[in-house]
Amino acid sequence: MTEQRFVDLETKLAHQEHLLLELNDIITKQQENIMRLEKLCDSIIERVRSLSEAAPADTNADEKPPHY
């Protein structure tokens, strides 16, 4: 192999390593966001459940409005 070919291969390898590190950082940040959003969804679900349990039951839900 010629010297230039080695340089080209090393250059490509360096670019691939850099790209791999960038992709790893992006995936790590995305996973952190996913975990944060899952916690947020869980807390919203829990809050809605607690609000629905605390709300009085609507006994007039099946009644027709007076204009019928």
N, C-alpha and C. Protein backbone atom coordinates (compact mmCIF):
# COMPACT_ATOMS: atom_id res chain seq x y z
N MET A 1 0.85 -1.18 0.00
CA MET A 1 0.00 0.00 0.00
C MET A 1 0.89 1.24 0.00
N THR A 2 0.39 2.24 -0.63
CA THR A 2 1.16 3.47 -0.68
C THR A 2 0.90 4.30 0.56
N GLU A 3 1.79 5.22 0.77
CA GLU A 3 1.67 6.11 1.93
C GLU A 3 0.37 6.91 1.88
N GLN A 4 0.00 7.37 0.69
CA GLN A 4 -1.22 8.17 0.54
C GLN A 4 -2.46 7.33 0.88
N ARG A 5 -2.44 6.09 0.53
CA ARG A 5 -3.58 5.22 0.83
C ARG A 5 -3.74 5.04 2.33
N PHE A 6 -2.63 4.89 3.05
CA PHE A 6 -2.70 4.80 4.51
C PHE A 6 -3.26 6.09 5.11
N VAL A 7 -2.83 7.20 4.59
CA VAL A 7 -3.32 8.49 5.09
C VAL A 7 -4.82 8.60 4.84
N ASP A 8 -5.27 8.19 3.66
CA ASP A 8 -6.70 8.24 3.35
C ASP A 8 -7.51 7.34 4.29
N LEU A 9 -7.01 6.14 4.54
CA LEU A 9 -7.71 5.23 5.44
C LEU A 9 -7.75 5.77 6.87
N GLU A 10 -6.65 6.33 7.33
CA GLU A 10 -6.62 6.90 8.67
C GLU A 10 -7.56 8.09 8.79
N THR A 11 -7.63 8.88 7.73
CA THR A 11 -8.53 10.03 7.72
C THR A 11 -9.99 9.57 7.80
N LYS A 12 -10.33 8.56 6.99
CA LYS A 12 -11.69 8.04 7.02
C LYS A 12 -12.01 7.45 8.39
N LEU A 13 -11.09 6.73 8.96
CA LEU A 13 -11.29 6.15 10.28
C LEU A 13 -11.50 7.23 11.33
N ALA A 14 -10.72 8.29 11.27
CA ALA A 14 -10.87 9.40 12.22
C ALA A 14 -12.25 10.05 12.09
N HIS A 15 -12.72 10.24 10.86
CA HIS A 15 -14.04 10.82 10.65
C HIS A 15 -15.14 9.89 11.18
N GLN A 16 -14.98 8.60 10.96
CA GLN A 16 -15.97 7.64 11.45
C GLN A 16 -16.00 7.61 12.98
N GLU A 17 -14.84 7.67 13.60
CA GLU A 17 -14.80 7.69 15.06
C GLU A 17 -15.47 8.94 15.61
N HIS A 18 -15.21 10.07 14.95
CA HIS A 18 -15.83 11.33 15.38
C HIS A 18 -17.35 11.24 15.22
N LEU A 19 -17.80 10.72 14.10
CA LEU A 19 -19.24 10.57 13.86
C LEU A 19 -19.87 9.63 14.88
N LEU A 20 -19.19 8.55 15.20
CA LEU A 20 -19.70 7.60 16.18
C LEU A 20 -19.85 8.25 17.55
N LEU A 21 -18.90 9.06 17.95
CA LEU A 21 -19.00 9.76 19.23
C LEU A 21 -20.16 10.76 19.22
N GLU A 22 -20.34 11.46 18.12
CA GLU A 22 -21.46 12.41 18.02
C GLU A 22 -22.79 11.68 18.10
N LEU A 23 -22.91 10.56 17.40
CA LEU A 23 -24.15 9.79 17.44
C LEU A 23 -24.42 9.24 18.83
N ASN A 24 -23.38 8.81 19.50
CA ASN A 24 -23.54 8.32 20.86
C ASN A 24 -24.05 9.43 21.79
N ASP A 25 -23.52 10.63 21.64
CA ASP A 25 -23.99 11.76 22.45
C ASP A 25 -25.46 12.06 22.18
N ILE A 26 -25.83 12.00 20.92
CA ILE A 26 -27.22 12.28 20.55
C ILE A 26 -28.15 11.23 21.15
N ILE A 27 -27.76 9.97 21.05
CA ILE A 27 -28.59 8.90 21.59
C ILE A 27 -28.70 9.02 23.10
N THR A 28 -27.63 9.38 23.75
CA THR A 28 -27.65 9.55 25.21
C THR A 28 -28.62 10.66 25.61
N LYS A 29 -28.56 11.78 24.90
CA LYS A 29 -29.47 12.90 25.19
C LYS A 29 -30.92 12.51 24.91
N GLN A 30 -31.14 11.78 23.83
CA GLN A 30 -32.50 11.35 23.52
C GLN A 30 -33.04 10.42 24.60
N GLN A 31 -32.21 9.53 25.08
CA GLN A 31 -32.65 8.61 26.14
C GLN A 31 -32.98 9.38 27.41
N GLU A 32 -32.18 10.38 27.73
CA GLU A 32 -32.49 11.21 28.90
C GLU A 32 -33.82 11.91 28.73
N ASN A 33 -34.09 12.42 27.52
CA ASN A 33 -35.37 13.09 27.25
C ASN A 33 -36.52 12.11 27.34
N ILE A 34 -36.34 10.91 26.83
CA ILE A 34 -37.39 9.89 26.89
C ILE A 34 -37.71 9.57 28.35
N MET A 35 -36.68 9.38 29.15
CA MET A 35 -36.92 9.06 30.57
C MET A 35 -37.61 10.21 31.28
N ARG A 36 -37.23 11.44 30.98
CA ARG A 36 -37.87 12.60 31.59
C ARG A 36 -39.33 12.68 31.17
N LEU A 37 -39.62 12.44 29.90
CA LEU A 37 -40.99 12.50 29.41
C LEU A 37 -41.84 11.37 29.98
N GLU A 38 -41.24 10.20 30.17
CA GLU A 38 -41.98 9.10 30.78
C GLU A 38 -42.37 9.44 32.21
N LYS A 39 -41.46 10.04 32.96
CA LYS A 39 -41.78 10.45 34.33
C LYS A 39 -42.88 11.50 34.33
N LEU A 40 -42.80 12.44 33.39
CA LEU A 40 -43.82 13.47 33.29
C LEU A 40 -45.18 12.86 32.97
N CYS A 41 -45.22 11.93 32.03
CA CYS A 41 -46.49 11.26 31.68
C CYS A 41 -47.04 10.50 32.88
N ASP A 42 -46.18 9.82 33.59
CA ASP A 42 -46.63 9.08 34.78
C ASP A 42 -47.23 10.02 35.81
N SER A 43 -46.60 11.16 36.02
CA SER A 43 -47.13 12.09 37.02
C SER A 43 -48.45 12.71 36.55
N ILE A 44 -48.57 12.96 35.26
CA ILE A 44 -49.83 13.50 34.73
C ILE A 44 -50.94 12.46 34.86
N ILE A 45 -50.65 11.22 34.55
CA ILE A 45 -51.64 10.15 34.69
C ILE A 45 -52.09 10.04 36.14
N GLU A 46 -51.14 10.05 37.05
CA GLU A 46 -51.48 9.95 38.47
C GLU A 46 -52.33 11.14 38.92
N ARG A 47 -52.00 12.31 38.42
CA ARG A 47 -52.78 13.50 38.81
C ARG A 47 -54.20 13.42 38.27
N VAL A 48 -54.35 12.99 37.03
CA VAL A 48 -55.69 12.86 36.45
C VAL A 48 -56.50 11.83 37.23
N ARG A 49 -55.87 10.73 37.60
CA ARG A 49 -56.57 9.71 38.38
C ARG A 49 -57.02 10.26 39.73
N SER A 50 -56.13 10.98 40.38
CA SER A 50 -56.50 11.52 41.70
C SER A 50 -57.59 12.57 41.57
N LEU A 51 -57.56 13.37 40.51
CA LEU A 51 -58.61 14.36 40.31
C LEU A 51 -59.94 13.70 39.98
N SER A 52 -59.90 12.64 39.18
CA SER A 52 -61.16 11.97 38.85
C SER A 52 -61.75 11.26 40.05
N GLU A 53 -60.92 10.76 40.94
CA GLU A 53 -61.41 10.13 42.15
C GLU A 53 -61.97 11.16 43.12
N ALA A 54 -61.40 12.35 43.13
CA ALA A 54 -61.84 13.39 44.06
C ALA A 54 -63.08 14.13 43.54
N ALA A 55 -63.33 14.07 42.23
CA ALA A 55 -64.48 14.78 41.66
C ALA A 55 -65.77 14.07 42.03
N PRO A 56 -66.81 14.84 42.30
CA PRO A 56 -68.09 14.20 42.63
C PRO A 56 -68.65 13.48 41.41
N ALA A 57 -69.36 12.40 41.66
CA ALA A 57 -69.96 11.64 40.57
C ALA A 57 -71.10 12.44 39.96
N ASP A 58 -71.16 12.46 38.65
CA ASP A 58 -72.21 13.19 37.94
C ASP A 58 -73.42 12.27 37.78
N THR A 59 -74.43 12.48 38.62
CA THR A 59 -75.61 11.62 38.58
C THR A 59 -76.55 12.00 37.45
N ASN A 60 -76.39 13.16 36.87
CA ASN A 60 -77.28 13.62 35.81
C ASN A 60 -76.69 13.36 34.41
N ALA A 61 -75.74 12.50 34.29
CA ALA A 61 -75.06 12.28 33.01
C ALA A 61 -75.98 11.65 31.99
N ASP A 62 -76.94 10.83 32.43
CA ASP A 62 -77.82 10.14 31.49
C ASP A 62 -79.12 10.91 31.23
N GLU A 63 -79.36 11.97 31.94
CA GLU A 63 -80.59 12.74 31.74
C GLU A 63 -80.48 13.58 30.48
N LYS A 64 -81.62 13.72 29.79
CA LYS A 64 -81.66 14.57 28.61
C LYS A 64 -81.78 16.02 29.06
N PRO A 65 -81.24 16.93 28.29
CA PRO A 65 -81.37 18.35 28.64
C PRO A 65 -82.84 18.77 28.58
N PRO A 66 -83.19 19.85 29.28
CA PRO A 66 -84.59 20.26 29.39
C PRO A 66 -85.24 20.62 28.04
N HIS A 67 -84.51 20.98 27.05
CA HIS A 67 -85.13 21.42 25.80
C HIS A 67 -85.58 20.23 24.93
N TYR A 68 -85.40 18.97 25.38
CA TYR A 68 -85.86 17.80 24.62
C TYR A 68 -87.29 17.51 24.93
